[in-house]
Protein backbone atom coordinates (compact mmCIF):
# COMPACT_ATOMS: atom_id res chain seq x y z
CA MET A 1 97.22 55.65 178.17
CA TYR A 2 98.85 55.35 174.73
CA MET A 3 96.61 54.08 171.91
CA GLU A 4 97.87 53.05 168.46
CA GLY A 5 94.66 54.23 166.75
CA ASP A 6 95.16 57.78 168.00
CA GLU A 7 98.66 57.85 166.48
CA GLY A 8 97.30 56.75 163.08
CA HIS A 9 94.57 59.34 163.28
CA ASP A 10 97.12 62.13 164.03
CA GLU A 11 99.33 61.01 161.12
CA ARG A 12 96.37 61.06 158.72
CA GLY A 13 95.35 64.50 159.98
CA SER A 14 98.88 65.79 159.54
CA ARG A 15 99.07 64.39 155.98
CA GLU A 16 95.76 66.00 155.12
CA GLU A 17 96.95 69.36 156.46
CA TRP A 18 100.15 69.16 154.45
CA THR A 19 98.22 68.08 151.36
CA LEU A 20 95.81 70.98 151.79
CA LEU A 21 98.72 73.38 152.34
CA PHE A 22 100.48 72.06 149.23
CA TRP A 23 97.48 72.42 146.93
CA THR A 24 96.59 75.82 148.39
CA SER A 25 100.14 77.04 147.80
CA LEU A 26 100.08 75.57 144.31
CA ALA A 27 96.77 77.27 143.56
CA VAL A 28 98.28 80.62 144.57
CA ILE A 29 101.77 80.25 143.14
CA VAL A 30 100.93 78.75 139.72
CA PRO A 31 98.64 81.62 138.59
CA VAL A 32 101.26 84.12 139.78
CA ILE A 33 103.98 82.34 137.80
CA ILE A 34 101.76 82.12 134.72
CA THR A 35 100.85 85.82 135.03
CA LEU A 36 104.50 86.81 135.41
CA TRP A 37 105.48 84.65 132.45
CA CYS A 38 102.71 86.09 130.28
CA SER A 39 103.65 89.61 131.34
CA THR A 40 107.30 88.97 130.45
CA GLN A 41 106.37 87.50 127.08
CA ARG A 42 103.99 90.37 126.36
CA SER A 43 106.68 92.87 127.27
CA LYS A 44 109.15 91.15 124.96
CA ARG A 45 106.57 91.04 122.18
CA LYS A 46 105.72 94.71 122.62
CA THR A 47 109.40 95.66 122.50
CA HIS A 48 109.85 93.58 119.37
CA MET A 49 106.67 95.01 117.82
CA LYS A 50 107.66 98.56 118.68
CA ASP A 51 110.92 98.20 116.77
CA PHE A 52 109.09 96.63 113.84
CA PHE A 53 106.42 99.34 113.81
CA ARG A 54 109.05 102.08 113.94
CA LYS A 55 110.68 100.83 110.73
CA SER A 56 107.39 100.24 108.89
CA LYS A 57 105.77 102.72 106.51
CA HIS A 58 102.38 101.75 107.94
CA GLY A 59 101.00 103.42 111.08
CA TRP A 60 100.66 100.09 112.91
CA HIS A 61 99.00 99.84 116.32
CA TYR A 62 98.83 96.53 118.22
CA THR A 63 95.63 95.54 120.03
CA ASP A 64 94.74 92.55 122.21
CA LEU A 65 91.08 92.78 121.22
CA PHE A 66 89.38 94.36 118.21
CA ASN A 67 86.11 96.09 119.08
CA LYS A 68 84.18 94.67 116.10
CA PRO A 69 84.35 91.55 113.87
CA THR A 70 87.67 91.90 112.04
CA TYR A 71 89.38 89.80 109.38
CA CYS A 72 93.02 89.56 108.43
CA CYS A 73 93.72 91.25 105.08
CA VAL A 74 96.31 88.55 104.30
CA CYS A 75 94.84 85.17 105.32
CA SER A 76 91.18 86.34 105.45
CA GLN A 77 90.71 84.62 108.84
CA HIS A 78 88.81 86.13 111.75
CA ILE A 79 91.17 87.77 114.26
CA LEU A 80 90.78 88.86 117.87
CA GLN A 81 94.24 90.29 118.43
CA GLY A 82 96.68 91.71 115.96
CA ALA A 83 97.52 95.10 114.47
CA PHE A 84 95.79 97.75 112.40
CA CYS A 85 97.15 100.69 110.43
CA ASP A 86 95.56 103.97 111.50
CA CYS A 87 96.50 105.51 108.16
CA CYS A 88 95.06 103.08 105.59
CA GLY A 89 92.90 100.79 107.78
CA LEU A 90 94.77 97.57 106.98
CA CYS A 91 94.29 94.79 109.60
CA ALA A 92 96.44 91.71 110.14
CA ASP A 93 96.91 89.04 112.78
CA GLU A 94 100.33 88.61 114.31
CA PRO A 95 101.60 85.71 112.11
CA CYS A 96 100.64 87.64 108.94
CA LEU A 97 101.91 91.03 110.07
CA ARG A 98 105.28 91.01 108.31
CA ARG A 99 103.77 89.65 105.11
CA ALA A 100 101.10 92.37 105.19
CA ASP A 101 103.78 95.00 105.71
CA ARG A 102 105.71 93.77 102.67
CA SER A 103 102.91 93.01 100.22
CA LEU A 104 100.22 95.57 101.05
CA PRO A 105 101.62 99.13 100.90
CA CYS A 106 100.12 101.96 102.94
CA LYS A 107 98.47 104.90 101.20
CA GLU A 108 101.03 107.39 99.95
CA ILE A 109 100.92 110.85 101.47
CA MET A 110 103.20 112.07 98.70
CA ALA A 111 103.08 110.55 95.19
CA PRO A 112 103.28 111.66 91.54
CA ALA A 113 100.02 112.40 89.73
CA ARG A 114 98.47 110.44 86.88
CA PRO A 115 98.96 111.82 83.35
CA ASP A 116 95.56 113.56 83.52
CA GLY A 117 96.42 115.05 86.95
CA ALA A 118 93.56 113.33 88.80
CA PRO A 119 94.07 111.38 92.07
CA GLU A 120 93.58 107.62 92.06
CA HIS A 121 91.49 105.48 94.38
CA ARG A 122 93.46 103.49 96.95
CA TRP A 123 91.35 100.41 97.67
CA VAL A 124 91.65 98.27 100.81
CA ARG A 125 89.63 95.07 100.94
CA GLY A 126 87.50 94.09 103.93
CA ASN A 127 86.68 95.52 107.36
CA VAL A 128 84.59 98.34 105.89
CA PRO A 129 82.95 100.76 108.36
CA LEU A 130 79.60 99.78 109.85
CA ALA A 131 76.52 101.12 108.07
CA SER A 132 78.41 101.85 104.84
CA TYR A 133 76.69 101.47 101.47
CA CYS A 134 77.84 100.42 98.02
CA ALA A 135 78.40 103.29 95.58
CA VAL A 136 76.93 101.15 92.74
CA CYS A 137 73.92 99.21 94.05
CA LYS A 138 73.28 101.36 97.17
CA GLN A 139 72.97 98.22 99.35
CA GLN A 140 74.82 97.85 102.67
CA CYS A 141 78.44 96.65 102.53
CA GLY A 142 80.34 94.38 104.91
CA THR A 143 77.33 92.32 105.95
CA GLN A 144 78.91 88.91 105.28
CA PRO A 145 80.97 87.22 108.04
CA LYS A 146 84.18 87.19 106.00
CA LEU A 147 86.76 89.48 104.40
CA CYS A 148 84.72 91.18 101.68
CA ASP A 149 84.06 94.43 99.82
CA PHE A 150 86.34 97.41 99.23
CA ARG A 151 86.88 100.86 100.69
CA CYS A 152 88.91 103.75 99.25
CA VAL A 153 91.10 105.19 102.00
CA TRP A 154 90.99 108.65 100.39
CA CYS A 155 87.33 109.31 99.53
CA GLN A 156 85.86 106.56 101.83
CA THR A 157 83.75 105.15 98.98
CA THR A 158 82.68 101.54 99.62
CA VAL A 159 81.89 99.00 96.89
CA HIS A 160 80.78 95.34 96.90
CA ASP A 161 83.20 92.79 95.45
CA ASP A 162 80.67 91.98 92.72
CA CYS A 163 79.96 95.66 91.95
CA MET A 164 83.58 96.76 91.52
CA ALA A 165 83.56 96.04 87.78
CA SER A 166 80.45 98.23 87.35
CA LEU A 167 81.84 101.25 89.22
CA ALA A 168 81.82 104.27 86.92
CA ASP A 169 85.20 106.00 86.66
CA ALA A 170 86.75 103.40 88.96
CA GLU A 171 90.22 104.94 88.71
CA HIS A 172 89.38 108.59 89.42
CA CYS A 173 89.07 109.64 93.11
CA ASP A 174 87.50 113.00 94.04
CA LEU A 175 88.77 112.68 97.67
CA GLY A 176 85.19 112.60 98.97
CA GLU A 177 83.27 114.80 101.38
CA PHE A 178 86.36 116.09 103.14
CA ARG A 179 88.37 117.00 100.05
CA SER A 180 88.95 120.52 101.39
CA LEU A 181 90.68 119.00 104.45
CA ILE A 182 92.90 116.62 102.45
CA ILE A 183 96.25 117.48 100.93
CA PRO A 184 96.31 115.67 97.55
CA PRO A 185 99.42 113.48 97.41
CA HIS A 186 100.36 114.72 93.93
CA TYR A 187 100.30 118.36 95.12
CA LEU A 188 102.66 117.72 98.00
CA TYR A 189 104.91 115.67 95.73
CA HIS A 190 105.08 118.46 93.15
CA VAL A 191 105.77 121.28 95.66
CA ASN A 192 108.27 119.15 97.56
CA LYS A 193 110.13 118.44 94.33
CA LEU A 194 110.23 122.12 93.38
CA ARG A 195 111.65 123.09 96.77
CA ARG A 196 114.11 120.19 96.75
CA ARG A 197 113.25 118.95 100.20
CA HIS A 198 114.19 115.53 101.50
CA PRO A 199 111.87 112.99 99.81
CA ASP A 200 110.78 111.37 103.11
CA GLU A 201 110.37 114.63 105.03
CA TYR A 202 106.56 114.61 104.87
CA SER A 203 105.90 110.95 104.06
CA LYS A 204 103.95 110.25 107.32
CA VAL A 205 101.42 111.83 109.45
CA PHE A 206 102.63 113.96 112.28
CA ASP A 207 102.81 112.61 115.82
CA LEU A 208 103.77 115.27 118.40
CA SER A 209 105.32 112.59 120.62
CA GLU A 210 107.95 112.11 117.89
CA LEU A 211 108.06 115.48 116.11
CA THR A 212 107.92 119.00 117.55
CA PRO A 213 105.14 121.39 116.43
CA PRO A 214 107.54 123.90 114.76
CA LYS A 215 108.78 121.14 112.46
CA ALA A 216 105.27 119.86 111.72
CA LEU A 217 103.89 123.34 111.01
CA GLN A 218 106.48 123.94 108.30
CA LEU A 219 104.17 121.84 106.12
CA CYS A 220 101.89 124.91 106.08
CA THR A 221 104.48 126.74 103.98
CA LEU A 222 104.00 124.19 101.18
CA LEU A 223 100.24 124.86 100.98
CA PRO A 224 98.21 127.80 99.65
CA PRO A 225 98.26 130.73 102.12
CA GLY A 226 95.28 130.87 104.49
CA SER A 227 94.05 127.39 103.56
CA VAL A 228 95.30 125.31 106.50
CA ARG A 229 93.32 124.21 109.55
CA VAL A 230 95.17 122.44 112.38
CA LEU A 231 93.22 120.11 114.67
CA VAL A 232 95.11 119.76 117.97
CA CYS A 233 94.17 116.52 119.74
CA GLY A 234 95.09 117.02 123.40
CA GLY A 235 94.66 119.28 126.41
CA ASP A 236 95.19 123.00 126.85
CA GLY A 237 98.93 122.44 127.36
CA THR A 238 99.25 120.78 123.95
CA VAL A 239 97.31 123.66 122.35
CA GLY A 240 99.69 126.15 123.97
CA TRP A 241 102.65 124.20 122.60
CA VAL A 242 101.25 124.49 119.07
CA LEU A 243 100.43 128.20 119.49
CA ASP A 244 104.01 128.85 120.62
CA ALA A 245 105.15 127.19 117.38
CA ILE A 246 102.86 129.52 115.42
CA ASP A 247 104.55 132.48 117.15
CA THR A 248 107.84 131.08 115.86
CA MET A 249 106.41 131.12 112.33
CA LYS A 250 105.60 134.82 112.77
CA LEU A 251 109.19 135.52 113.79
CA LYS A 252 110.31 133.83 110.57
CA GLY A 253 108.08 136.12 108.50
CA GLN A 254 105.66 133.32 107.60
CA ASP A 255 102.49 135.18 108.62
CA GLN A 256 100.67 134.39 105.37
CA PHE A 257 100.99 130.64 106.02
CA ILE A 258 99.73 130.69 109.63
CA PRO A 259 96.96 128.08 110.14
CA ARG A 260 93.62 128.33 111.93
CA VAL A 261 93.68 126.21 115.09
CA THR A 262 90.90 124.03 116.47
CA ILE A 263 90.81 121.55 119.34
CA LEU A 264 89.74 117.96 120.05
CA PRO A 265 89.70 118.07 123.89
CA LEU A 266 91.60 115.12 125.38
CA GLY A 267 93.01 116.81 128.50
CA THR A 268 91.68 117.15 132.05
CA GLY A 269 90.37 120.72 132.24
CA ASN A 270 89.96 121.67 128.56
CA ASP A 271 88.90 125.22 129.44
CA LEU A 272 90.13 126.72 126.16
CA SER A 273 88.26 124.06 124.20
CA ASN A 274 85.12 124.81 126.22
CA THR A 275 85.46 128.54 125.57
CA LEU A 276 85.71 127.95 121.82
CA GLY A 277 82.66 125.69 121.76
CA TRP A 278 84.41 122.32 121.30
CA GLY A 279 83.26 120.88 124.61
CA SER A 280 84.83 119.90 127.93
CA GLY A 281 86.11 116.49 126.79
CA TYR A 282 86.04 113.93 124.00
CA ALA A 283 85.72 110.17 124.52
CA GLY A 284 84.63 109.01 121.06
CA GLU A 285 80.96 109.86 121.54
CA ILE A 286 80.96 111.90 118.30
CA PRO A 287 82.02 110.12 115.08
CA VAL A 288 85.25 111.37 113.53
CA GLU A 289 83.32 112.33 110.39
CA GLN A 290 81.12 114.67 112.42
CA VAL A 291 84.17 116.20 114.10
CA LEU A 292 85.57 117.01 110.65
CA ARG A 293 82.23 118.48 109.53
CA ASN A 294 82.27 120.71 112.62
CA VAL A 295 85.77 121.87 111.70
CA LEU A 296 84.59 122.74 108.19
CA ASP A 297 81.64 124.74 109.55
CA ALA A 298 83.57 126.53 112.30
CA GLU A 299 83.92 130.30 112.48
CA VAL A 300 87.34 132.02 112.48
CA VAL A 301 87.92 134.23 115.55
CA LYS A 302 90.90 136.07 117.00
CA MET A 303 92.23 135.28 120.45
CA ASP A 304 94.63 137.32 122.57
CA ARG A 305 97.83 135.76 123.85
CA TRP A 306 99.78 137.21 126.76
CA LYS A 307 103.37 137.42 127.99
CA VAL A 308 104.02 136.63 131.66
CA GLN A 309 107.34 137.91 133.04
CA VAL A 310 108.49 136.65 136.45
CA ALA A 311 111.42 138.66 137.89
CA SER A 312 112.68 137.10 141.12
CA LYS A 313 113.58 139.51 143.91
CA GLY A 314 117.31 140.00 144.43
CA LEU A 315 118.33 138.28 141.17
CA TYR A 316 118.80 141.49 139.17
CA PHE A 317 121.45 140.08 136.83
CA ARG A 318 119.36 137.07 135.83
CA LYS A 319 116.89 137.33 132.95
CA PRO A 320 113.24 137.22 134.02
CA LYS A 321 111.35 134.00 133.45
CA VAL A 322 109.09 134.53 130.42
CA LEU A 323 105.97 132.41 129.77
CA SER A 324 103.14 132.54 127.24
CA MET A 325 99.56 132.59 128.54
CA ASN A 326 96.38 131.62 126.68
CA ASN A 327 93.95 130.77 129.50
CA TYR A 328 94.84 132.18 132.91
CA PHE A 329 97.47 132.93 135.52
CA SER A 330 96.81 132.32 139.20
CA VAL A 331 98.42 132.45 142.60
CA GLY A 332 96.77 130.71 145.56
CA PRO A 333 94.70 127.59 146.24
CA ASP A 334 93.97 126.50 142.65
CA ALA A 335 97.68 126.81 141.81
CA LEU A 336 98.47 124.78 144.94
CA MET A 337 96.13 122.00 143.80
CA ALA A 338 97.76 122.04 140.35
CA LEU A 339 101.24 121.92 141.92
CA ASN A 340 100.39 118.95 144.16
CA PHE A 341 98.75 117.15 141.25
CA HIS A 342 101.72 117.83 138.96
CA THR A 343 104.24 116.63 141.56
CA HIS A 344 102.48 113.32 142.13
CA ARG A 345 101.79 112.76 138.44
CA GLU A 346 105.52 113.01 137.71
CA LYS A 347 106.22 110.35 140.36
CA THR A 348 103.53 107.88 139.17
CA PRO A 349 102.39 108.90 135.66
CA SER A 350 100.62 105.58 134.99
CA PHE A 351 98.12 106.29 137.80
CA PHE A 352 96.95 109.55 136.19
CA SER A 353 95.71 108.05 132.92
CA SER A 354 92.00 108.83 133.33
CA ARG A 355 90.20 112.18 133.25
CA ILE A 356 87.90 110.98 136.07
CA ILE A 357 90.84 109.94 138.27
CA ASN A 358 92.58 113.25 137.60
CA LYS A 359 89.52 115.25 138.66
CA ALA A 360 89.09 113.07 141.76
CA VAL A 361 92.70 113.77 142.78
CA TYR A 362 92.13 117.50 142.28
CA PHE A 363 89.06 117.22 144.53
CA LEU A 364 91.08 115.49 147.28
CA TYR A 365 93.78 118.18 147.20
CA GLY A 366 91.12 120.90 147.29
CA THR A 367 89.47 119.26 150.31
CA LYS A 368 92.83 119.08 152.08
CA ASP A 369 93.49 122.79 151.46
CA CYS A 370 90.07 123.69 152.89
CA LEU A 371 91.36 122.33 156.21
CA VAL A 372 94.99 123.48 156.07
CA GLN A 373 94.60 126.88 154.30
CA GLU A 374 98.21 127.12 153.15
CA CYS A 375 97.55 130.31 151.15
CA LYS A 376 95.76 132.41 153.79
CA ASP A 377 96.66 136.10 154.27
CA LEU A 378 97.64 136.44 150.61
CA ASP A 379 96.45 140.06 150.66
CA LYS A 380 99.20 140.85 153.20
CA ARG A 381 101.90 139.22 151.09
CA ILE A 382 101.05 140.53 147.63
CA GLU A 383 100.35 143.84 145.87
CA LEU A 384 98.16 144.13 142.76
CA GLU A 385 98.26 146.84 140.10
CA LEU A 386 95.85 147.09 137.16
CA ASP A 387 97.05 149.40 134.38
CA GLY A 388 99.40 151.06 136.86
CA GLU A 389 96.79 151.68 139.58
CA ARG A 390 97.11 149.98 142.97
CA VAL A 391 94.08 147.85 143.95
CA ALA A 392 93.09 147.48 147.60
CA LEU A 393 92.67 143.79 148.34
CA PRO A 394 90.18 142.23 150.78
CA SER A 395 91.18 139.20 152.86
CA LEU A 396 91.94 136.79 149.99
CA GLU A 397 93.73 133.47 149.53
CA GLY A 398 93.99 133.58 145.75
CA ILE A 399 94.10 135.84 142.68
CA ILE A 400 93.19 134.62 139.19
CA VAL A 401 93.90 136.52 135.95
CA CYS A 402 91.74 135.21 133.08
CA ASN A 403 91.91 135.63 129.31
CA ILE A 404 89.09 133.18 128.45
CA GLY A 405 85.55 132.56 129.66
CA TYR A 406 86.07 129.19 131.34
CA TRP A 407 88.24 128.25 134.32
CA GLY A 408 88.67 125.25 136.62
CA GLY A 409 87.39 122.58 134.25
CA GLY A 410 84.15 124.16 133.04
CA CYS A 411 83.31 127.10 135.33
CA ARG A 412 82.46 130.56 133.94
CA LEU A 413 84.52 132.38 136.53
CA TRP A 414 83.90 136.03 135.64
CA GLU A 415 80.12 135.51 135.37
CA GLY A 416 79.87 133.54 138.64
CA MET A 417 76.24 132.79 139.48
CA GLY A 418 75.06 135.21 136.77
CA ASP A 419 72.88 137.14 139.24
CA GLU A 420 75.01 140.31 139.18
CA PRO A 421 75.74 142.64 136.24
CA CYS A 422 79.36 142.50 135.12
CA PRO A 423 81.32 144.00 132.21
CA PRO A 424 81.28 141.79 129.06
CA THR A 425 84.35 139.84 128.04
CA ARG A 426 85.79 138.95 124.65
CA LEU A 427 88.65 136.84 123.39
CA ASP A 428 90.12 139.67 121.31
CA ASP A 429 89.50 142.80 123.40
CA GLY A 430 93.04 143.07 124.76
CA LEU A 431 91.70 142.94 128.31
CA LEU A 432 92.27 140.56 131.21
CA GLU A 433 89.70 139.81 133.90
CA VAL A 434 91.11 139.74 137.45
CA VAL A 435 89.23 138.06 140.31
CA GLY A 436 89.95 137.02 143.87
CA VAL A 437 88.89 133.97 145.88
CA PHE A 438 88.66 133.43 149.62
CA GLY A 439 89.96 129.85 149.53
CA SER A 440 89.47 126.35 148.13
CA PHE A 441 85.93 126.13 149.50
CA HIS A 442 85.04 129.41 147.79
CA CYS A 443 86.48 128.02 144.51
CA ALA A 444 84.24 124.96 144.87
CA GLN A 445 81.19 127.18 145.52
CA ILE A 446 81.92 129.21 142.39
CA GLN A 447 82.21 126.05 140.30
CA VAL A 448 78.73 124.88 141.28
CA LYS A 449 77.26 128.42 140.96
CA LEU A 450 76.66 128.94 144.66
CA ALA A 451 78.91 132.00 144.96
CA ASN A 452 80.42 134.83 142.93
CA PRO A 453 84.14 135.62 142.71
CA VAL A 454 85.55 138.88 144.01
CA ARG A 455 85.76 140.89 140.76
CA LEU A 456 88.86 143.07 141.09
CA GLY A 457 88.68 144.62 137.61
CA GLN A 458 89.74 144.42 133.95
CA ALA A 459 93.07 145.67 132.62
CA HIS A 460 95.44 145.76 129.67
CA THR A 461 98.43 145.24 131.96
CA VAL A 462 98.51 143.37 135.28
CA ARG A 463 101.36 143.64 137.79
CA LEU A 464 101.69 141.57 140.98
CA VAL A 465 104.44 141.96 143.60
CA LEU A 466 104.97 139.03 145.97
CA LYS A 467 106.69 140.68 148.93
CA SER A 468 107.48 137.68 151.14
CA SER A 469 107.42 133.86 151.45
CA ARG A 470 106.90 131.29 148.69
CA MET A 471 103.56 130.87 146.98
CA PRO A 472 102.21 128.36 144.43
CA MET A 473 101.61 129.84 140.97
CA GLN A 474 100.47 128.52 137.62
CA VAL A 475 100.14 129.55 133.98
CA ASP A 476 97.68 127.47 131.93
CA GLY A 477 97.94 124.52 134.30
CA GLU A 478 101.76 124.51 134.51
CA PRO A 479 102.51 125.13 138.22
CA TRP A 480 105.58 126.03 140.24
CA ALA A 481 106.50 127.36 143.71
CA GLN A 482 107.72 130.96 143.57
CA GLY A 483 109.60 133.12 146.06
CA PRO A 484 109.44 136.94 146.31
CA CYS A 485 109.13 138.39 142.81
CA THR A 486 107.42 140.81 140.46
CA ILE A 487 105.02 139.40 137.87
CA THR A 488 104.07 141.49 134.85
CA ILE A 489 101.42 140.34 132.35
CA THR A 490 101.28 142.21 129.03
CA HIS A 491 99.69 141.62 125.63
CA LYS A 492 101.83 139.48 123.32
CA THR A 493 99.96 138.77 120.08
CA GLN A 494 96.73 137.42 118.59
CA VAL A 495 96.13 134.02 117.03
CA LEU A 496 93.42 132.72 114.68
CA MET A 497 91.21 130.07 116.29
CA LEU A 498 88.12 128.19 115.11
CA TYR A 499 84.88 128.64 117.09
CA HIS A 500 82.17 125.96 116.96
CA SER A 501 78.86 127.67 117.69
CA ALA A 502 76.55 124.65 117.34
CA GLU A 503 77.98 122.59 120.23
CA GLN A 504 76.42 123.25 123.63
CA THR A 505 79.14 123.46 126.24
CA ASP A 506 76.96 124.09 129.30
CA ASP A 507 73.74 122.68 130.69
CA ASP A 508 72.11 126.08 130.56
CA ASP A 509 71.04 126.44 126.93
CA ASP A 510 69.58 129.89 127.52
CA ASP A 511 73.00 131.32 128.35
CA GLU A 512 74.68 129.99 125.19
CA SER A 513 73.76 132.77 122.78
CA SER A 514 74.66 135.52 125.25
CA HIS A 515 77.90 133.71 126.13
CA LYS A 516 78.93 133.54 122.48
CA GLN A 517 78.13 137.21 122.04
CA ALA A 518 80.26 138.08 125.08
CA GLN A 519 83.17 136.00 123.77
CA ILE A 520 83.10 136.71 120.07
CA THR A 521 81.05 139.69 118.92
CA ALA A 522 81.70 143.35 119.43
């Protein structure tokens, strides 16, 4: 039986379903459109800003959110997003950015001196560091919720607005606590003028993403011999890049200008940094001022560098592949993990932006190799010679040749669990430590001090012959797959590094003094 009421009810139900579907679709689509539009606008703005920043004499960096109360140096208004100069500390919101760039010059890295030869203060108003105190009245600065007070970008002196007139010798700047780490602008100007270099050649700070280390290190030749310390902010690969540039200086006969090198560890493993006492990683937990104090107090030590020659079998007319080694060379499971990690990082570099994520990926590849064992029977495929003497190999999956104390992101490989006597190691003894591992699981046991490596010996020269198949290899974290070949590791040179003895780099405090003695002293 047909009923008119049922038809009306069905129509209302249908309209309600369509209405619900419409609003649900709208609720999903509108945020997506807004997000895409905002992303497009942000991308355009970043492209525009990047071009503007490139042409500016300031070291501008754009941020969507300042991490502390910040005020625009132009309009004095509170800002949440805008840009700051990492060279002079100037801050500006986006509408005032161009005006700030024109009217408020950055500090000059290279400038003529005053008639009396003394440097001048370079004052920037507002946004003084937290817990800073006035040089005149000794009261805290920057406590008012507005743009107030001054800071010298050279000596870091802070002064209240009202106290500025009372500051004794307000024009003269002594460059502050870190004067021995600062190149006075008048000195660089004078030397640059004498040598007739391009006037803008050293007008900015050096960024290795834009300038190669050999070019940057030529600044050392303008400074008094033996006075330069270089702080490398990056991982072990970046440090190796800089040390290769120092080798280039030696080839040019610039030995007297060679700097001492220290490290701020920003990489994944940071084994060289750990060995030299600078820790396994840096995430801002130590103030920059303390980092600089540590650099000033650090001890100069020598470190061996090694040459790795890889001569592929059958390619007699091709020059051997030559690499520099600071940390270690390996063939086997740890090189396989590095190779897998490197391959995937090149495909999706944005995913590998965190040290924690990187270590997690390494763990996953190590777990996979425990099951697959791609490097088993290495002892049947490779021959090892230490100082010309053949070494009988047990049933191994990997061989590691170490120059430094740490390996695998914080493990003291040669020492192992520390329950067995072993020959001491040093950074400058001209010897390499050679160990074997039974697989990825054995590597993991060594890292948590549940097993010892197979100590194969120490040598001045190491020679490995890969007789068959392809095997993963790495030098200082740079991996590749290698076919049959002969690998020869010989001493290359020594470099001056800075050792920080006060920083604990391991949970076991009792081992620290003995570890330093093994690494540094005779």
